[in-house]
PDB file of N, CA and C in Angstrom:
ATOM      1  N   MET A   1     190.706 303.509 141.640  1.00  0.00           N
ATOM      2  CA  MET A   1     189.625 303.971 140.798  1.00  0.00           C
ATOM      3  C   MET A   1     190.204 304.586 139.522  1.00  0.00           C
ATOM      4  N   LEU A   2     190.954 305.662 139.625  1.00  0.00           N
ATOM      5  CA  LEU A   2     191.558 306.264 138.439  1.00  0.00           C
ATOM      6  C   LEU A   2     192.956 305.730 138.190  1.00  0.00           C
ATOM      7  N   ASP A   3     193.560 305.145 139.207  1.00  0.00           N
ATOM      8  CA  ASP A   3     194.883 304.537 139.109  1.00  0.00           C
ATOM      9  C   ASP A   3     195.917 305.539 138.584  1.00  0.00           C
ATOM     10  N   ILE A   4     195.957 306.704 139.222  1.00  0.00           N
ATOM     11  CA  ILE A   4     196.930 307.737 138.869  1.00  0.00           C
ATOM     12  C   ILE A   4     198.057 307.684 139.885  1.00  0.00           C
ATOM     13  N   GLY A   5     199.263 307.513 139.388  1.00  0.00           N
ATOM     14  CA  GLY A   5     200.424 307.421 140.262  1.00  0.00           C
ATOM     15  C   GLY A   5     201.092 308.777 140.459  1.00  0.00           C
ATOM     16  N   PHE A   6     202.176 308.764 141.239  1.00  0.00           N
ATOM     17  CA  PHE A   6     202.907 309.991 141.539  1.00  0.00           C
ATOM     18  C   PHE A   6     203.523 310.583 140.276  1.00  0.00           C
ATOM     19  N   PHE A   7     204.083 309.734 139.406  1.00  0.00           N
ATOM     20  CA  PHE A   7     204.720 310.225 138.191  1.00  0.00           C
ATOM     21  C   PHE A   7     203.712 310.935 137.286  1.00  0.00           C
ATOM     22  N   GLU A   8     202.503 310.391 137.174  1.00  0.00           N
ATOM     23  CA  GLU A   8     201.480 311.030 136.344  1.00  0.00           C
ATOM     24  C   GLU A   8     201.083 312.390 136.908  1.00  0.00           C
ATOM     25  N   LEU A   9     200.956 312.475 138.232  1.00  0.00           N
ATOM     26  CA  LEU A   9     200.642 313.763 138.858  1.00  0.00           C
ATOM     27  C   LEU A   9     201.757 314.778 138.629  1.00  0.00           C
ATOM     28  N   LEU A  10     202.982 314.327 138.686  1.00  0.00           N
ATOM     29  CA  LEU A  10     204.127 315.210 138.449  1.00  0.00           C
ATOM     30  C   LEU A  10     204.109 315.742 137.017  1.00  0.00           C
ATOM     31  N   VAL A  11     203.790 314.906 136.053  1.00  0.00           N
ATOM     32  CA  VAL A  11     203.715 315.334 134.651  1.00  0.00           C
ATOM     33  C   VAL A  11     202.581 316.342 134.468  1.00  0.00           C
ATOM     34  N   VAL A  12     201.420 316.084 135.075  1.00  0.00           N
ATOM     35  CA  VAL A  12     200.289 317.012 134.966  1.00  0.00           C
ATOM     36  C   VAL A  12     200.652 318.356 135.585  1.00  0.00           C
ATOM     37  N   ALA A  13     201.294 318.355 136.744  1.00  0.00           N
ATOM     38  CA  ALA A  13     201.705 319.605 137.392  1.00  0.00           C
ATOM     39  C   ALA A  13     202.696 320.368 136.517  1.00  0.00           C
ATOM     40  N   PHE A  14     203.632 319.672 135.911  1.00  0.00           N
ATOM     41  CA  PHE A  14     204.619 320.318 135.041  1.00  0.00           C
ATOM     42  C   PHE A  14     203.940 320.949 133.825  1.00  0.00           C
ATOM     43  N   VAL A  15     202.987 320.238 133.222  1.00  0.00           N
ATOM     44  CA  VAL A  15     202.269 320.775 132.058  1.00  0.00           C
ATOM     45  C   VAL A  15     201.440 321.991 132.465  1.00  0.00           C
ATOM     46  N   LEU A  16     200.792 321.928 133.634  1.00  0.00           N
ATOM     47  CA  LEU A  16     200.008 323.071 134.100  1.00  0.00           C
ATOM     48  C   LEU A  16     200.889 324.291 134.352  1.00  0.00           C
ATOM     49  N   ILE A  17     202.061 324.089 134.905  1.00  0.00           N
ATOM     50  CA  ILE A  17     202.970 325.225 135.136  1.00  0.00           C
ATOM     51  C   ILE A  17     203.372 325.845 133.809  1.00  0.00           C
ATOM     52  N   ILE A  18     203.631 325.024 132.821  1.00  0.00           N
ATOM     53  CA  ILE A  18     204.039 325.552 131.514  1.00  0.00           C
ATOM     54  C   ILE A  18     202.867 326.259 130.831  1.00  0.00           C
ATOM     55  N   VAL A  19     201.676 325.664 130.849  1.00  0.00           N
ATOM     56  CA  VAL A  19     200.535 326.225 130.129  1.00  0.00           C
ATOM     57  C   VAL A  19     199.964 327.442 130.850  1.00  0.00           C
ATOM     58  N   MET A  20     199.729 327.339 132.139  1.00  0.00           N
ATOM     59  CA  MET A  20     199.088 328.414 132.897  1.00  0.00           C
ATOM     60  C   MET A  20     200.074 329.450 133.417  1.00  0.00           C
ATOM     61  N   GLY A  21     201.246 329.043 133.648  1.00  0.00           N
ATOM     62  CA  GLY A  21     202.218 329.961 134.231  1.00  0.00           C
ATOM     63  C   GLY A  21     202.145 329.902 135.752  1.00  0.00           C
ATOM     64  N   PRO A  22     203.232 330.194 136.411  1.00  0.00           N
ATOM     65  CA  PRO A  22     203.268 330.101 137.874  1.00  0.00           C
ATOM     66  C   PRO A  22     202.370 331.135 138.564  1.00  0.00           C
ATOM     67  N   GLU A  23     202.047 332.249 137.892  1.00  0.00           N
ATOM     68  CA  GLU A  23     201.216 333.283 138.512  1.00  0.00           C
ATOM     69  C   GLU A  23     199.754 332.840 138.608  1.00  0.00           C
ATOM     70  N   ARG A  24     199.248 332.205 137.576  1.00  0.00           N
ATOM     71  CA  ARG A  24     197.835 331.822 137.528  1.00  0.00           C
ATOM     72  C   ARG A  24     197.572 330.427 138.086  1.00  0.00           C
ATOM     73  N   LEU A  25     198.606 329.659 138.364  1.00  0.00           N
ATOM     74  CA  LEU A  25     198.431 328.281 138.818  1.00  0.00           C
ATOM     75  C   LEU A  25     197.637 328.175 140.125  1.00  0.00           C
ATOM     76  N   PRO A  26     197.891 329.005 141.160  1.00  0.00           N
ATOM     77  CA  PRO A  26     197.079 328.895 142.386  1.00  0.00           C
ATOM     78  C   PRO A  26     195.595 329.187 142.146  1.00  0.00           C
ATOM     79  N   GLU A  27     195.306 330.155 141.294  1.00  0.00           N
ATOM     80  CA  GLU A  27     193.913 330.486 140.982  1.00  0.00           C
ATOM     81  C   GLU A  27     193.225 329.333 140.251  1.00  0.00           C
ATOM     82  N   VAL A  28     193.902 328.729 139.299  1.00  0.00           N
ATOM     83  CA  VAL A  28     193.346 327.599 138.554  1.00  0.00           C
ATOM     84  C   VAL A  28     193.149 326.397 139.479  1.00  0.00           C
ATOM     85  N   ALA A  29     194.099 326.153 140.371  1.00  0.00           N
ATOM     86  CA  ALA A  29     193.981 325.039 141.316  1.00  0.00           C
ATOM     87  C   ALA A  29     192.801 325.258 142.255  1.00  0.00           C
ATOM     88  N   GLN A  30     192.594 326.501 142.675  1.00  0.00           N
ATOM     89  CA  GLN A  30     191.474 326.810 143.562  1.00  0.00           C
ATOM     90  C   GLN A  30     190.138 326.581 142.842  1.00  0.00           C
ATOM     91  N   LYS A  31     190.040 327.017 141.604  1.00  0.00           N
ATOM     92  CA  LYS A  31     188.812 326.804 140.831  1.00  0.00           C
ATOM     93  C   LYS A  31     188.574 325.317 140.564  1.00  0.00           C
ATOM     94  N   ALA A  32     189.632 324.592 140.267  1.00  0.00           N
ATOM     95  CA  ALA A  32     189.496 323.152 140.024  1.00  0.00           C
ATOM     96  C   ALA A  32     189.010 322.444 141.285  1.00  0.00           C
ATOM     97  N   ALA A  33     189.565 322.830 142.437  1.00  0.00           N
ATOM     98  CA  ALA A  33     189.139 322.230 143.706  1.00  0.00           C
ATOM     99  C   ALA A  33     187.675 322.557 143.984  1.00  0.00           C
ATOM    100  N   PHE A  34     187.254 323.785 143.671  1.00  0.00           N
ATOM    101  CA  PHE A  34     185.859 324.180 143.866  1.00  0.00           C
ATOM    102  C   PHE A  34     184.923 323.313 143.017  1.00  0.00           C
ATOM    103  N   PHE A  35     185.260 323.125 141.736  1.00  0.00           N
ATOM    104  CA  PHE A  35     184.410 322.332 140.848  1.00  0.00           C
ATOM    105  C   PHE A  35     184.408 320.852 141.239  1.00  0.00           C
ATOM    106  N   ILE A  36     185.536 320.353 141.680  1.00  0.00           N
ATOM    107  CA  ILE A  36     185.596 318.956 142.136  1.00  0.00           C
ATOM    108  C   ILE A  36     184.724 318.770 143.368  1.00  0.00           C
ATOM    109  N   ARG A  37     184.785 319.737 144.295  1.00  0.00           N
ATOM    110  CA  ARG A  37     183.968 319.673 145.503  1.00  0.00           C
ATOM    111  C   ARG A  37     182.483 319.707 145.149  1.00  0.00           C
ATOM    112  N   LYS A  38     182.097 320.584 144.228  1.00  0.00           N
ATOM    113  CA  LYS A  38     180.695 320.667 143.807  1.00  0.00           C
ATOM    114  C   LYS A  38     180.244 319.361 143.135  1.00  0.00           C
ATOM    115  N   ALA A  39     181.109 318.784 142.317  1.00  0.00           N
ATOM    116  CA  ALA A  39     180.766 317.530 141.647  1.00  0.00           C
ATOM    117  C   ALA A  39     180.582 316.409 142.668  1.00  0.00           C
ATOM    118  N   ARG A  40     181.450 316.351 143.660  1.00  0.00           N
ATOM    119  CA  ARG A  40     181.321 315.323 144.705  1.00  0.00           C
ATOM    120  C   ARG A  40     180.034 315.510 145.497  1.00  0.00           C
ATOM    121  N   GLN A  41     179.723 316.753 145.851  1.00  0.00           N
ATOM    122  CA  GLN A  41     178.486 317.015 146.593  1.00  0.00           C
ATOM    123  C   GLN A  41     177.269 316.595 145.775  1.00  0.00           C
ATOM    124  N   GLY A  42     177.301 316.889 144.494  1.00  0.00           N
ATOM    125  CA  GLY A  42     176.197 316.484 143.623  1.00  0.00           C
ATOM    126  C   GLY A  42     176.066 314.973 143.538  1.00  0.00           C
ATOM    127  N   MET A  43     177.186 314.282 143.445  1.00  0.00           N
ATOM    128  CA  MET A  43     177.153 312.819 143.389  1.00  0.00           C
ATOM    129  C   MET A  43     176.641 312.230 144.695  1.00  0.00           C
ATOM    130  N   TYR A  44     177.086 312.777 145.832  1.00  0.00           N
ATOM    131  CA  TYR A  44     176.607 312.291 147.130  1.00  0.00           C
ATOM    132  C   TYR A  44     175.103 312.539 147.271  1.00  0.00           C
ATOM    133  N   ARG A  45     174.652 313.706 146.830  1.00  0.00           N
ATOM    134  CA  ARG A  45     173.231 314.035 146.898  1.00  0.00           C
ATOM    135  C   ARG A  45     172.421 313.081 146.012  1.00  0.00           C
ATOM    136  N   LEU A  46     172.914 312.846 144.807  1.00  0.00           N
ATOM    137  CA  LEU A  46     172.236 311.936 143.888  1.00  0.00           C
ATOM    138  C   LEU A  46     172.189 310.521 144.466  1.00  0.00           C
ATOM    139  N   ARG A  47     173.297 310.077 145.047  1.00  0.00           N
ATOM    140  CA  ARG A  47     173.346 308.741 145.634  1.00  0.00           C
ATOM    141  C   ARG A  47     172.363 308.615 146.798  1.00  0.00           C
ATOM    142  N   SER A  48     172.301 309.639 147.649  1.00  0.00           N
ATOM    143  CA  SER A  48     171.382 309.568 148.793  1.00  0.00           C
ATOM    144  C   SER A  48     169.924 309.591 148.329  1.00  0.00           C
ATOM    145  N   GLU A  49     169.620 310.368 147.290  1.00  0.00           N
ATOM    146  CA  GLU A  49     168.256 310.385 146.758  1.00  0.00           C
ATOM    147  C   GLU A  49     167.882 309.035 146.158  1.00  0.00           C
ATOM    148  N   MET A  50     168.815 308.426 145.446  1.00  0.00           N
ATOM    149  CA  MET A  50     168.544 307.120 144.850  1.00  0.00           C
ATOM    150  C   MET A  50     168.335 306.073 145.940  1.00  0.00           C
ATOM    151  N   GLN A  51     169.141 306.110 146.990  1.00  0.00           N
ATOM    152  CA  GLN A  51     168.980 305.144 148.078  1.00  0.00           C
ATOM    153  C   GLN A  51     167.654 305.348 148.797  1.00  0.00           C
ATOM    154  N   SER A  52     167.261 306.605 148.991  1.00  0.00           N
ATOM    155  CA  SER A  52     165.981 306.848 149.661  1.00  0.00           C
ATOM    156  C   SER A  52     164.816 306.376 148.794  1.00  0.00           C
ATOM    157  N   GLU A  53     164.937 306.483 147.483  1.00  0.00           N
ATOM    158  CA  GLU A  53     163.888 305.992 146.591  1.00  0.00           C
ATOM    159  C   GLU A  53     163.834 304.468 146.602  1.00  0.00           C
ATOM    160  N   ILE A  54     164.997 303.842 146.639  1.00  0.00           N
ATOM    161  CA  ILE A  54     165.048 302.381 146.651  1.00  0.00           C
ATOM    162  C   ILE A  54     164.488 301.842 147.953  1.00  0.00           C
ATOM    163  N   GLU A  55     164.779 302.515 149.061  1.00  0.00           N
ATOM    164  CA  GLU A  55     164.338 302.056 150.372  1.00  0.00           C
ATOM    165  C   GLU A  55     162.906 302.487 150.680  1.00  0.00           C
ATOM    166  N   GLY A  56     162.207 303.022 149.717  1.00  0.00           N
ATOM    167  CA  GLY A  56     160.852 303.526 149.931  1.00  0.00           C
ATOM    168  C   GLY A  56     159.849 302.426 150.212  1.00  0.00           C
ATOM    169  N   THR A  57     158.634 302.834 150.435  1.00  0.00           N
ATOM    170  CA  THR A  57     157.571 301.920 150.851  1.00  0.00           C
ATOM    171  C   THR A  57     157.110 300.929 149.788  1.00  0.00           C
ATOM    172  N   PRO A  58     157.183 301.198 148.488  1.00  0.00           N
ATOM    173  CA  PRO A  58     156.676 300.190 147.547  1.00  0.00           C
ATOM    174  C   PRO A  58     157.359 298.831 147.696  1.00  0.00           C
ATOM    175  N   PHE A  59     158.675 298.837 147.913  1.00  0.00           N
ATOM    176  CA  PHE A  59     159.375 297.571 148.061  1.00  0.00           C
ATOM    177  C   PHE A  59     159.021 296.912 149.387  1.00  0.00           C
ATOM    178  N   GLU A  60     158.835 297.710 150.421  1.00  0.00           N
ATOM    179  CA  GLU A  60     158.437 297.152 151.707  1.00  0.00           C
ATOM    180  C   GLU A  60     157.032 296.564 151.609  1.00  0.00           C
ATOM    181  N   ASP A  61     156.153 297.233 150.869  1.00  0.00           N
ATOM    182  CA  ASP A  61     154.799 296.709 150.678  1.00  0.00           C
ATOM    183  C   ASP A  61     154.829 295.376 149.938  1.00  0.00           C
ATOM    184  N   LEU A  62     155.706 295.274 148.951  1.00  0.00           N
ATOM    185  CA  LEU A  62     155.823 294.016 148.222  1.00  0.00           C
ATOM    186  C   LEU A  62     156.327 292.899 149.123  1.00  0.00           C
ATOM    187  N   GLU A  63     157.291 293.208 149.973  1.00  0.00           N
ATOM    188  CA  GLU A  63     157.803 292.200 150.904  1.00  0.00           C
ATOM    189  C   GLU A  63     156.709 291.762 151.874  1.00  0.00           C
ATOM    190  N   ASN A  64     155.929 292.712 152.380  1.00  0.00           N
ATOM    191  CA  ASN A  64     154.826 292.366 153.284  1.00  0.00           C
ATOM    192  C   ASN A  64     153.788 291.497 152.576  1.00  0.00           C
ATOM    193  N   ALA A  65     153.455 291.849 151.348  1.00  0.00           N
ATOM    194  CA  ALA A  65     152.485 291.056 150.586  1.00  0.00           C
ATOM    195  C   ALA A  65     153.030 289.656 150.322  1.00  0.00           C
ATOM    196  N   LYS A  66     154.309 289.567 150.048  1.00  0.00           N
ATOM    197  CA  LYS A  66     154.931 288.262 149.808  1.00  0.00           C
ATOM    198  C   LYS A  66     154.858 287.394 151.061  1.00  0.00           C
ATOM    199  N   ARG A  67     155.130 288.008 152.225  1.00  0.00           N
ATOM    200  CA  ARG A  67     155.052 287.267 153.487  1.00  0.00           C
ATOM    201  C   ARG A  67     153.620 286.802 153.758  1.00  0.00           C
ATOM    202  N   GLU A  68     152.650 287.682 153.516  1.00  0.00           N
ATOM    203  CA  GLU A  68     151.248 287.323 153.735  1.00  0.00           C
ATOM    204  C   GLU A  68     150.817 286.182 152.817  1.00  0.00           C
ATOM    205  N   MET A  69     151.264 286.218 151.568  1.00  0.00           N
ATOM    206  CA  MET A  69     150.928 285.142 150.633  1.00  0.00           C
ATOM    207  C   MET A  69     151.552 283.825 151.076  1.00  0.00           C
ATOM    208  N   ALA A  70     152.782 283.864 151.571  1.00  0.00           N
ATOM    209  CA  ALA A  70     153.432 282.641 152.054  1.00  0.00           C
ATOM    210  C   ALA A  70     152.690 282.094 153.269  1.00  0.00           C
ATOM    211  N   ASP A  71     152.268 282.970 154.172  1.00  0.00           N
ATOM    212  CA  ASP A  71     151.493 282.526 155.336  1.00  0.00           C
ATOM    213  C   ASP A  71     150.161 281.916 154.898  1.00  0.00           C
ATOM    214  N   PHE A  72     149.505 282.556 153.943  1.00  0.00           N
ATOM    215  CA  PHE A  72     148.229 282.052 153.433  1.00  0.00           C
ATOM    216  C   PHE A  72     148.414 280.682 152.786  1.00  0.00           C
ATOM    217  N   LYS A  73     149.495 280.540 152.022  1.00  0.00           N
ATOM    218  CA  LYS A  73     149.789 279.267 151.369  1.00  0.00           C
ATOM    219  C   LYS A  73     150.023 278.171 152.406  1.00  0.00           C
ATOM    220  N   ASN A  74     150.750 278.496 153.470  1.00  0.00           N
ATOM    221  CA  ASN A  74     150.980 277.519 154.533  1.00  0.00           C
ATOM    222  C   ASN A  74     149.678 277.146 155.229  1.00  0.00           C
ATOM    223  N   ASP A  75     148.805 278.126 155.443  1.00  0.00           N
ATOM    224  CA  ASP A  75     147.505 277.841 156.055  1.00  0.00           C
ATOM    225  C   ASP A  75     146.672 276.907 155.179  1.00  0.00           C
ATOM    226  N   ILE A  76     146.672 277.155 153.875  1.00  0.00           N
ATOM    227  CA  ILE A  76     145.926 276.307 152.944  1.00  0.00           C
ATOM    228  C   ILE A  76     146.493 274.890 152.947  1.00  0.00           C
ATOM    229  N   ARG A  77     147.819 274.771 152.946  1.00  0.00           N
ATOM    230  CA  ARG A  77     148.433 273.439 152.987  1.00  0.00           C
ATOM    231  C   ARG A  77     148.057 272.699 154.270  1.00  0.00           C
ATOM    232  N   GLN A  78     148.103 273.409 155.390  1.00  0.00           N
ATOM    233  CA  GLN A  78     147.744 272.784 156.664  1.00  0.00           C
ATOM    234  C   GLN A  78     146.278 272.355 156.656  1.00  0.00           C
ATOM    235  N   PHE A  79     145.414 273.185 156.103  1.00  0.00           N
ATOM    236  CA  PHE A  79     143.995 272.833 155.996  1.00  0.00           C
ATOM    237  C   PHE A  79     143.825 271.584 155.133  1.00  0.00           C
ATOM    238  N   GLY A  80     144.561 271.514 154.031  1.00  0.00           N
ATOM    239  CA  GLY A  80     144.499 270.342 153.153  1.00  0.00           C
ATOM    240  C   GLY A  80     144.972 269.086 153.867  1.00  0.00           C
ATOM    241  N   ARG A  81     146.054 269.204 154.637  1.00  0.00           N
ATOM    242  CA  ARG A  81     146.545 268.050 155.402  1.00  0.00           C
ATOM    243  C   ARG A  81     145.508 267.601 156.428  1.00  0.00           C
ATOM    244  N   ASP A  82     144.933 268.569 157.142  1.00  0.00           N
ATOM    245  CA  ASP A  82     143.917 268.235 158.140  1.00  0.00           C
ATOM    246  C   ASP A  82     142.709 267.564 157.484  1.00  0.00           C
ATOM    247  N   LEU A  83     142.313 268.070 156.336  1.00  0.00           N
ATOM    248  CA  LEU A  83     141.177 267.498 155.620  1.00  0.00           C
ATOM    249  C   LEU A  83     141.492 266.082 155.156  1.00  0.00           C
ATOM    250  N   ALA A  84     142.703 265.871 154.636  1.00  0.00           N
ATOM    251  CA  ALA A  84     143.100 264.533 154.187  1.00  0.00           C
ATOM    252  C   ALA A  84     143.175 263.576 155.367  1.00  0.00           C
ATOM    253  N   ASP A  85     143.693 264.035 156.496  1.00  0.00           N
ATOM    254  CA  ASP A  85     143.761 263.185 157.690  1.00  0.00           C
ATOM    255  C   ASP A  85     142.369 262.798 158.164  1.00  0.00           C
ATOM    256  N   SER A  86     141.453 263.739 158.165  1.00  0.00           N
ATOM    257  CA  SER A  86     140.098 263.430 158.629  1.00  0.00           C
ATOM    258  C   SER A  86     139.375 262.518 157.643  1.00  0.00           C
ATOM    259  N   ALA A  87     139.694 262.597 156.361  1.00  0.00           N
ATOM    260  CA  ALA A  87     139.060 261.736 155.365  1.00  0.00           C
ATOM    261  C   ALA A  87     139.609 260.318 155.448  1.00  0.00           C
ATOM    262  N   GLU A  88     140.863 260.162 155.821  1.00  0.00           N
ATOM    263  CA  GLU A  88     141.467 258.838 155.909  1.00  0.00           C
ATOM    264  C   GLU A  88     141.000 258.070 157.138  1.00  0.00           C
ATOM    265  N   LYS A  89     140.682 258.756 158.226  1.00  0.00           N
ATOM    266  CA  LYS A  89     140.251 258.095 159.453  1.00  0.00           C
ATOM    267  C   LYS A  89     138.765 257.778 159.343  1.00  0.00           C
ATOM    268  N   PRO A  90     138.401 256.517 159.519  1.00  0.00           N
ATOM    269  CA  PRO A  90     136.968 256.206 159.480  1.00  0.00           C
ATOM    270  C   PRO A  90     136.296 256.741 160.735  1.00  0.00           C
ATOM    271  N   SER A  91     135.140 257.271 160.555  1.00  0.00           N
ATOM    272  CA  SER A  91     134.419 257.809 161.705  1.00  0.00           C
ATOM    273  C   SER A  91     133.717 256.675 162.424  1.00  0.00           C
ATOM    274  N   LYS A  92     133.722 256.731 163.746  1.00  0.00           N
ATOM    275  CA  LYS A  92     133.067 255.707 164.562  1.00  0.00           C
ATOM    276  C   LYS A  92     131.593 256.077 164.696  1.00  0.00           C
ATOM    277  N   PRO A  93     130.710 255.126 164.512  1.00  0.00           N
ATOM    278  CA  PRO A  93     129.286 255.447 164.683  1.00  0.00           C
ATOM    279  C   PRO A  93     128.985 255.677 166.154  1.00  0.00           C
ATOM    280  N   ASP A  94     128.052 256.541 166.409  1.00  0.00           N
ATOM    281  CA  ASP A  94     127.641 256.820 167.787  1.00  0.00           C
ATOM    282  C   ASP A  94     126.906 255.613 168.350  1.00  0.00           C
ATOM    283  N   ASP A  95     127.070 255.413 169.639  1.00  0.00           N
ATOM    284  CA  ASP A  95     126.361 254.305 170.285  1.00  0.00           C
ATOM    285  C   ASP A  95     124.853 254.532 170.239  1.00  0.00           C
ATOM    286  N   ALA A  96     124.441 255.759 170.451  1.00  0.00           N
ATOM    287  CA  ALA A  96     123.008 256.062 170.438  1.00  0.00           C
ATOM    288  C   ALA A  96     122.453 255.915 169.038  1.00  0.00           C
ATOM    289  N   GLY A  97     123.191 256.318 168.065  1.00  0.00           N
ATOM    290  CA  GLY A  97     122.740 256.230 166.686  1.00  0.00           C
ATOM    291  C   GLY A  97     122.629 254.796 166.226  1.00  0.00           C
ATOM    292  N   SER A  98     123.506 253.933 166.637  1.00  0.00           N
ATOM    293  CA  SER A  98     123.467 252.539 166.206  1.00  0.00           C
ATOM    294  C   SER A  98     122.328 251.780 166.867  1.00  0.00           C
ATOM    295  N   SER A  99     121.999 252.119 168.120  1.00  0.00           N
ATOM    296  CA  SER A  99     120.900 251.431 168.798  1.00  0.00           C
ATOM    297  C   SER A  99     119.555 251.878 168.234  1.00  0.00           C
ATOM    298  N   SER A 100     119.441 253.128 167.837  1.00  0.00           N
ATOM    299  CA  SER A 100     118.174 253.599 167.285  1.00  0.00           C
ATOM    300  C   SER A 100     117.941 253.014 165.910  1.00  0.00           C
ATOM    301  N   GLN A 101     119.004 252.764 165.160  1.00  0.00           N
ATOM    302  CA  GLN A 101     118.842 252.181 163.840  1.00  0.00           C
ATOM    303  C   GLN A 101     118.457 250.704 163.946  1.00  0.00           C
ATOM    304  N   SER A 102     118.937 250.019 164.956  1.00  0.00           N
ATOM    305  CA  SER A 102     118.623 248.599 165.095  1.00  0.00           C
ATOM    306  C   SER A 102     117.196 248.386 165.575  1.00  0.00           C
ATOM    307  N   GLU A 103     116.626 249.349 166.281  1.00  0.00           N
ATOM    308  CA  GLU A 103     115.263 249.234 166.770  1.00  0.00           C
ATOM    309  C   GLU A 103     114.245 249.440 165.656  1.00  0.00           C
ATOM    310  N   SER A 104     114.570 250.168 164.652  1.00  0.00           N
ATOM    311  CA  SER A 104     113.610 250.463 163.599  1.00  0.00           C
ATOM    312  C   SER A 104     113.365 249.322 162.733  1.00  0.00           C
TER     313      SER A 104
END
């Protein structure tokens, strides 16, 4: 992530010893660790809040609506196929209906 090697850390430590002095270095390191810990906690909290917002119900509702629309579309297609099949097949006249028409 930051790609900091051992040599870079050694240079930073040497500069801190020169600038802060050996007496204040433990105090500065403790404060730096405290702020880093707080920053990490804030980032984790922010990440968890963002994930909970993303995983919320609006997206689930959209997925459910999408599934319902796909099911409805399939039902309409099946109805259309059934209608086309029934239109293509000629209907057979009833025996009773044909005899009554011939008598008239």
